[in-house]
Amino acid sequence: LEYVLHTEIYKARPDIGSVVHTHPPYGTAFGATDATLELLNHDAVLFREGLAFFADTAELIVRPEQGEAVARALGDRRALVMRGHGVIVTGETVPWATYAALTLERVLRIQAIAGSLGNLLPMTAEMADRVYPDKYRDDHVVNYWDYLVRGVRRAGLAGGMPAEADRHA
């Protein structure tokens, strides 16, 4: 239904090989606030450049000009929060985009929990830059993807999934 979200982002960002658009609880709740992402743990450093925001409309994005506006709002960021609508997360490959989408929801959940306990104490940008290369490597993402695929297969939900899905990075 909202395919123009994907097509317009692909047009604007040739470095992107996969776009995930979803409406997870913490990502959607985050979009209903004026909060900003804080680098509270090693997972958050994937988004150390910050999140993009799109607040033009909460409507379904079904017209090309709407998709273009979303792509412009995304800019050079990995993820975008859509006010009243959900999130868009991108990656170089399907495994990278999937990993990033799951990581974003976990990061926002941790931030919500931490904020309910006291003042947030984020790491410095310098620390985030030191953590990133060890945490976010292609082999790490491939291992995580393989773990997810094994879970799908064990649950009996892989009907028609090609064997090469196991190493799609």
Foldseek 3Di string as FASTA:
>chain_A
DLCLLVVLLCVLDVQFDDKDWDADDLLQVVLQDPDWQFAQDLLCLLQLVTEFEAEPDQDRNHDNVSSNSSNVRRPPGQKYRYRNHTIMGTDNFPLGRVVNVVSVSVSSVVVVVVVVVDDGDGDDSVVSVVSPVVCDDPVNSLVVQLVVVVVCVVVVNCVPPDPCSSRRD
